[in-house]
Amino acid sequence: MEVGDVEVCEHSVMFCGDAGATVGKLRTKLNGLNLGSFCAVYLELGINDLCTVCNHTADIVISDIWGFIESLLSHGARQVIFGEVLFHTRRWVRGPLVKEFRRWVRELNARIDE
């Protein structure tokens, strides 16, 4: 997991990234972490879940994301901000066709907006 820190308007900002991680893997890594000292947690995830797991529909990914957000809140996060799942333009190895993936992303983002 890559980590970087900066200061913005007198607030410490920590960036963490884990290429290829899924919601489940991130949840396991962050399980038990006390997030009470953070003003907000911003998440961008879901792409790997849609691409790498067979039959991982938007319903399953949304359920996993909401469960992860609830877990973060129960571990002290004051606010969780979830970013829109982004499209990609190439097919991942053993992943869905781009057209199918784009449909899943549109469905997932529409459901999250609800």
N, C-alpha and C. Protein backbone atom coordinates (compact mmCIF):
# COMPACT_ATOMS: atom_id res chain seq x y z
N MET A 1 0.85 -1.16 0.00
CA MET A 1 0.00 0.00 0.00
C MET A 1 0.90 1.23 0.00
N GLU A 2 0.67 2.11 -0.94
CA GLU A 2 1.45 3.34 -1.01
C GLU A 2 0.78 4.41 -0.16
N VAL A 3 1.60 5.18 0.56
CA VAL A 3 1.08 6.21 1.45
C VAL A 3 1.82 7.51 1.17
N GLY A 4 1.10 8.63 1.19
CA GLY A 4 1.70 9.95 1.03
C GLY A 4 0.97 10.94 1.92
N ASP A 5 1.69 11.92 2.42
CA ASP A 5 1.10 12.93 3.30
C ASP A 5 1.38 14.32 2.76
N VAL A 6 0.40 15.22 2.90
CA VAL A 6 0.57 16.63 2.57
C VAL A 6 -0.24 17.43 3.59
N GLU A 7 -0.04 18.73 3.60
CA GLU A 7 -0.84 19.59 4.46
C GLU A 7 -1.59 20.57 3.57
N VAL A 8 -2.91 20.69 3.79
CA VAL A 8 -3.77 21.56 3.02
C VAL A 8 -4.60 22.37 4.00
N CYS A 9 -4.47 23.70 3.94
CA CYS A 9 -5.25 24.59 4.81
C CYS A 9 -5.18 24.15 6.27
N GLU A 10 -3.97 23.88 6.73
CA GLU A 10 -3.70 23.48 8.11
C GLU A 10 -4.31 22.13 8.50
N HIS A 11 -4.65 21.33 7.52
CA HIS A 11 -5.13 19.97 7.77
C HIS A 11 -4.13 18.99 7.18
N SER A 12 -3.81 17.95 7.92
CA SER A 12 -2.96 16.89 7.38
C SER A 12 -3.83 16.01 6.51
N VAL A 13 -3.33 15.70 5.32
CA VAL A 13 -4.04 14.85 4.38
C VAL A 13 -3.16 13.64 4.11
N MET A 14 -3.72 12.46 4.32
CA MET A 14 -2.99 11.22 4.07
C MET A 14 -3.62 10.53 2.88
N PHE A 15 -2.81 10.17 1.90
CA PHE A 15 -3.26 9.42 0.73
C PHE A 15 -2.74 8.00 0.84
N CYS A 16 -3.61 7.04 0.62
CA CYS A 16 -3.20 5.64 0.61
C CYS A 16 -3.76 5.00 -0.64
N GLY A 17 -2.96 4.23 -1.31
CA GLY A 17 -3.42 3.53 -2.50
C GLY A 17 -2.91 2.11 -2.49
N ASP A 18 -3.70 1.23 -3.03
CA ASP A 18 -3.31 -0.17 -3.10
C ASP A 18 -3.77 -0.72 -4.45
N ALA A 19 -2.90 -0.65 -5.43
CA ALA A 19 -3.24 -1.06 -6.79
C ALA A 19 -3.75 -2.48 -6.82
N GLY A 20 -4.89 -2.67 -7.48
CA GLY A 20 -5.45 -4.00 -7.64
C GLY A 20 -6.30 -4.47 -6.48
N ALA A 21 -6.42 -3.67 -5.44
CA ALA A 21 -7.19 -4.09 -4.26
C ALA A 21 -8.69 -4.09 -4.56
N THR A 22 -9.38 -4.96 -3.87
CA THR A 22 -10.83 -5.01 -3.93
C THR A 22 -11.39 -4.49 -2.61
N VAL A 23 -12.69 -4.30 -2.56
CA VAL A 23 -13.33 -3.82 -1.33
C VAL A 23 -12.99 -4.76 -0.17
N GLY A 24 -13.09 -6.05 -0.40
CA GLY A 24 -12.80 -7.03 0.66
C GLY A 24 -11.38 -6.95 1.18
N LYS A 25 -10.41 -6.80 0.27
CA LYS A 25 -9.01 -6.71 0.68
C LYS A 25 -8.76 -5.43 1.49
N LEU A 26 -9.34 -4.31 1.05
CA LEU A 26 -9.15 -3.06 1.79
C LEU A 26 -9.82 -3.12 3.16
N ARG A 27 -10.98 -3.73 3.19
CA ARG A 27 -11.70 -3.86 4.47
C ARG A 27 -10.86 -4.66 5.46
N THR A 28 -10.25 -5.74 5.00
CA THR A 28 -9.39 -6.56 5.86
C THR A 28 -8.18 -5.76 6.35
N LYS A 29 -7.55 -4.99 5.45
CA LYS A 29 -6.37 -4.21 5.82
C LYS A 29 -6.71 -3.12 6.83
N LEU A 30 -7.90 -2.53 6.72
CA LEU A 30 -8.26 -1.42 7.59
C LEU A 30 -9.07 -1.84 8.81
N ASN A 31 -9.35 -3.13 8.93
CA ASN A 31 -10.13 -3.62 10.05
C ASN A 31 -9.42 -3.31 11.37
N GLY A 32 -10.14 -2.72 12.29
CA GLY A 32 -9.58 -2.39 13.60
C GLY A 32 -8.85 -1.07 13.65
N LEU A 33 -8.70 -0.38 12.54
CA LEU A 33 -8.03 0.91 12.52
C LEU A 33 -8.93 1.96 13.14
N ASN A 34 -8.40 2.75 14.06
CA ASN A 34 -9.17 3.83 14.69
C ASN A 34 -9.10 5.06 13.79
N LEU A 35 -10.23 5.43 13.24
CA LEU A 35 -10.28 6.54 12.31
C LEU A 35 -10.81 7.82 12.96
N GLY A 36 -10.91 7.84 14.27
CA GLY A 36 -11.47 8.98 14.99
C GLY A 36 -10.71 10.28 14.82
N SER A 37 -9.44 10.21 14.46
CA SER A 37 -8.65 11.44 14.30
C SER A 37 -8.80 12.05 12.90
N PHE A 38 -9.52 11.38 12.01
CA PHE A 38 -9.71 11.87 10.66
C PHE A 38 -11.00 12.67 10.56
N CYS A 39 -10.97 13.80 9.85
CA CYS A 39 -12.19 14.58 9.59
C CYS A 39 -13.07 13.87 8.58
N ALA A 40 -12.44 13.25 7.60
CA ALA A 40 -13.20 12.57 6.53
C ALA A 40 -12.32 11.49 5.93
N VAL A 41 -12.99 10.49 5.40
CA VAL A 41 -12.32 9.43 4.65
C VAL A 41 -12.93 9.46 3.25
N TYR A 42 -12.09 9.58 2.24
CA TYR A 42 -12.54 9.61 0.85
C TYR A 42 -12.16 8.29 0.20
N LEU A 43 -13.12 7.64 -0.45
CA LEU A 43 -12.87 6.34 -1.08
C LEU A 43 -13.10 6.41 -2.58
N GLU A 44 -12.21 5.80 -3.32
CA GLU A 44 -12.41 5.52 -4.74
C GLU A 44 -12.11 4.05 -4.90
N LEU A 45 -13.16 3.26 -5.11
CA LEU A 45 -12.98 1.83 -5.27
C LEU A 45 -14.17 1.24 -5.98
N GLY A 46 -14.05 -0.02 -6.33
CA GLY A 46 -15.12 -0.71 -7.02
C GLY A 46 -14.75 -1.22 -8.40
N ILE A 47 -13.75 -0.58 -9.03
CA ILE A 47 -13.35 -0.98 -10.39
C ILE A 47 -12.81 -2.41 -10.38
N ASN A 48 -11.91 -2.69 -9.47
CA ASN A 48 -11.32 -4.04 -9.43
C ASN A 48 -12.37 -5.09 -9.10
N ASP A 49 -13.34 -4.73 -8.28
CA ASP A 49 -14.40 -5.67 -7.94
C ASP A 49 -15.22 -6.01 -9.17
N LEU A 50 -15.50 -5.03 -10.00
CA LEU A 50 -16.28 -5.27 -11.22
C LEU A 50 -15.47 -6.05 -12.25
N CYS A 51 -14.16 -5.85 -12.28
CA CYS A 51 -13.32 -6.43 -13.33
C CYS A 51 -12.77 -7.81 -13.03
N THR A 52 -12.51 -8.11 -11.79
CA THR A 52 -11.72 -9.30 -11.51
C THR A 52 -12.49 -10.49 -10.98
N VAL A 53 -13.72 -10.28 -10.55
CA VAL A 53 -14.45 -11.38 -9.95
C VAL A 53 -15.61 -11.78 -10.86
N CYS A 54 -15.67 -13.04 -11.24
CA CYS A 54 -16.74 -13.52 -12.10
C CYS A 54 -18.10 -13.28 -11.44
N ASN A 55 -19.04 -12.85 -12.25
CA ASN A 55 -20.41 -12.62 -11.80
C ASN A 55 -20.50 -11.61 -10.66
N HIS A 56 -19.57 -10.71 -10.57
CA HIS A 56 -19.60 -9.67 -9.54
C HIS A 56 -20.42 -8.52 -10.08
N THR A 57 -21.70 -8.59 -9.88
CA THR A 57 -22.61 -7.60 -10.43
C THR A 57 -22.59 -6.33 -9.60
N ALA A 58 -23.23 -5.30 -10.12
CA ALA A 58 -23.31 -4.02 -9.41
C ALA A 58 -23.95 -4.21 -8.04
N ASP A 59 -24.96 -5.08 -7.94
CA ASP A 59 -25.62 -5.32 -6.64
C ASP A 59 -24.63 -5.81 -5.59
N ILE A 60 -23.79 -6.76 -5.98
CA ILE A 60 -22.81 -7.31 -5.04
C ILE A 60 -21.78 -6.25 -4.67
N VAL A 61 -21.28 -5.51 -5.65
CA VAL A 61 -20.27 -4.48 -5.38
C VAL A 61 -20.85 -3.39 -4.49
N ILE A 62 -22.07 -2.95 -4.76
CA ILE A 62 -22.70 -1.93 -3.92
C ILE A 62 -22.84 -2.43 -2.49
N SER A 63 -23.28 -3.65 -2.33
CA SER A 63 -23.43 -4.23 -1.00
C SER A 63 -22.09 -4.25 -0.27
N ASP A 64 -21.03 -4.65 -0.97
CA ASP A 64 -19.68 -4.68 -0.37
C ASP A 64 -19.22 -3.27 0.00
N ILE A 65 -19.47 -2.29 -0.86
CA ILE A 65 -19.06 -0.91 -0.59
C ILE A 65 -19.80 -0.36 0.62
N TRP A 66 -21.14 -0.54 0.67
CA TRP A 66 -21.90 -0.02 1.81
C TRP A 66 -21.46 -0.69 3.11
N GLY A 67 -21.17 -1.99 3.05
CA GLY A 67 -20.66 -2.68 4.23
C GLY A 67 -19.33 -2.11 4.70
N PHE A 68 -18.47 -1.79 3.74
CA PHE A 68 -17.17 -1.20 4.06
C PHE A 68 -17.34 0.18 4.67
N ILE A 69 -18.23 0.98 4.10
CA ILE A 69 -18.49 2.33 4.63
C ILE A 69 -19.03 2.23 6.06
N GLU A 70 -19.97 1.32 6.30
CA GLU A 70 -20.50 1.12 7.66
C GLU A 70 -19.39 0.70 8.62
N SER A 71 -18.48 -0.13 8.16
CA SER A 71 -17.36 -0.55 8.99
C SER A 71 -16.45 0.63 9.33
N LEU A 72 -16.17 1.48 8.33
CA LEU A 72 -15.34 2.66 8.58
C LEU A 72 -16.00 3.59 9.61
N LEU A 73 -17.30 3.78 9.47
CA LEU A 73 -18.03 4.64 10.41
C LEU A 73 -18.03 4.03 11.82
N SER A 74 -18.14 2.73 11.91
CA SER A 74 -18.13 2.09 13.23
C SER A 74 -16.74 2.08 13.86
N HIS A 75 -15.71 2.32 13.05
CA HIS A 75 -14.34 2.40 13.58
C HIS A 75 -13.89 3.85 13.75
N GLY A 76 -14.84 4.78 13.82
CA GLY A 76 -14.52 6.15 14.19
C GLY A 76 -14.50 7.17 13.08
N ALA A 77 -14.66 6.78 11.83
CA ALA A 77 -14.68 7.77 10.75
C ALA A 77 -15.88 8.70 10.96
N ARG A 78 -15.64 10.00 10.94
CA ARG A 78 -16.73 10.96 11.13
C ARG A 78 -17.55 11.13 9.86
N GLN A 79 -16.90 11.05 8.73
CA GLN A 79 -17.56 11.24 7.44
C GLN A 79 -16.84 10.38 6.41
N VAL A 80 -17.61 9.69 5.58
CA VAL A 80 -17.04 8.90 4.49
C VAL A 80 -17.61 9.45 3.19
N ILE A 81 -16.72 9.81 2.30
CA ILE A 81 -17.11 10.34 0.99
C ILE A 81 -16.72 9.30 -0.04
N PHE A 82 -17.68 8.90 -0.86
CA PHE A 82 -17.42 7.88 -1.86
C PHE A 82 -17.40 8.51 -3.25
N GLY A 83 -16.29 8.35 -3.97
CA GLY A 83 -16.15 8.89 -5.32
C GLY A 83 -16.78 7.97 -6.34
N GLU A 84 -17.18 8.52 -7.43
CA GLU A 84 -17.80 7.76 -8.51
C GLU A 84 -16.83 6.73 -9.07
N VAL A 85 -17.35 5.56 -9.40
CA VAL A 85 -16.54 4.54 -10.05
C VAL A 85 -16.28 5.00 -11.48
N LEU A 86 -15.03 4.93 -11.90
CA LEU A 86 -14.63 5.46 -13.20
C LEU A 86 -14.57 4.38 -14.26
N PHE A 87 -14.75 4.78 -15.51
CA PHE A 87 -14.63 3.89 -16.66
C PHE A 87 -13.16 3.64 -16.97
N HIS A 88 -12.90 2.61 -17.67
CA HIS A 88 -11.57 2.43 -18.27
C HIS A 88 -11.78 2.05 -19.73
N THR A 89 -10.73 2.19 -20.51
CA THR A 89 -10.89 2.06 -21.96
C THR A 89 -10.29 0.79 -22.54
N ARG A 90 -9.73 -0.04 -21.71
CA ARG A 90 -9.17 -1.29 -22.24
C ARG A 90 -9.68 -2.46 -21.41
N ARG A 91 -9.65 -3.61 -22.02
CA ARG A 91 -10.09 -4.82 -21.33
C ARG A 91 -8.96 -5.31 -20.44
N TRP A 92 -9.28 -5.62 -19.21
CA TRP A 92 -8.30 -6.18 -18.29
C TRP A 92 -8.16 -7.67 -18.56
N VAL A 93 -7.03 -8.22 -18.23
CA VAL A 93 -6.79 -9.64 -18.45
C VAL A 93 -7.88 -10.43 -17.74
N ARG A 94 -8.54 -11.30 -18.47
CA ARG A 94 -9.63 -12.12 -17.96
C ARG A 94 -10.78 -11.30 -17.39
N GLY A 95 -10.82 -10.01 -17.70
CA GLY A 95 -11.90 -9.15 -17.23
C GLY A 95 -13.03 -9.09 -18.25
N PRO A 96 -14.07 -8.37 -17.90
CA PRO A 96 -15.21 -8.26 -18.81
C PRO A 96 -14.86 -7.42 -20.04
N LEU A 97 -15.65 -7.57 -21.09
CA LEU A 97 -15.50 -6.71 -22.26
C LEU A 97 -15.75 -5.27 -21.84
N VAL A 98 -15.12 -4.33 -22.50
CA VAL A 98 -15.25 -2.91 -22.15
C VAL A 98 -16.71 -2.48 -22.17
N LYS A 99 -17.46 -2.91 -23.18
CA LYS A 99 -18.87 -2.53 -23.29
C LYS A 99 -19.66 -3.02 -22.07
N GLU A 100 -19.42 -4.27 -21.67
CA GLU A 100 -20.10 -4.83 -20.51
C GLU A 100 -19.69 -4.10 -19.23
N PHE A 101 -18.40 -3.82 -19.10
CA PHE A 101 -17.90 -3.12 -17.91
C PHE A 101 -18.52 -1.73 -17.81
N ARG A 102 -18.60 -1.01 -18.92
CA ARG A 102 -19.20 0.33 -18.91
C ARG A 102 -20.66 0.28 -18.45
N ARG A 103 -21.38 -0.75 -18.88
CA ARG A 103 -22.77 -0.90 -18.45
C ARG A 103 -22.82 -1.11 -16.94
N TRP A 104 -21.93 -1.95 -16.41
CA TRP A 104 -21.89 -2.20 -14.97
C TRP A 104 -21.56 -0.93 -14.21
N VAL A 105 -20.59 -0.14 -14.72
CA VAL A 105 -20.20 1.11 -14.05
C VAL A 105 -21.38 2.08 -14.01
N ARG A 106 -22.07 2.23 -15.16
CA ARG A 106 -23.23 3.14 -15.19
C ARG A 106 -24.29 2.68 -14.18
N GLU A 107 -24.54 1.38 -14.14
CA GLU A 107 -25.53 0.84 -13.20
C GLU A 107 -25.10 1.07 -11.75
N LEU A 108 -23.85 0.78 -11.47
CA LEU A 108 -23.34 0.95 -10.10
C LEU A 108 -23.42 2.41 -9.66
N ASN A 109 -22.98 3.34 -10.50
CA ASN A 109 -23.00 4.75 -10.14
C ASN A 109 -24.43 5.27 -9.99
N ALA A 110 -25.34 4.81 -10.84
CA ALA A 110 -26.73 5.23 -10.73
C ALA A 110 -27.33 4.74 -9.41
N ARG A 111 -27.02 3.51 -9.05
CA ARG A 111 -27.54 2.95 -7.79
C ARG A 111 -26.95 3.66 -6.59
N ILE A 112 -25.66 4.03 -6.67
CA ILE A 112 -25.03 4.76 -5.56
C ILE A 112 -25.66 6.13 -5.42
N ASP A 113 -25.96 6.78 -6.54
CA ASP A 113 -26.60 8.11 -6.50
C ASP A 113 -27.95 8.06 -5.81
N GLU A 114 -28.65 6.91 -5.92
CA GLU A 114 -29.95 6.77 -5.27
C GLU A 114 -29.79 6.87 -3.78
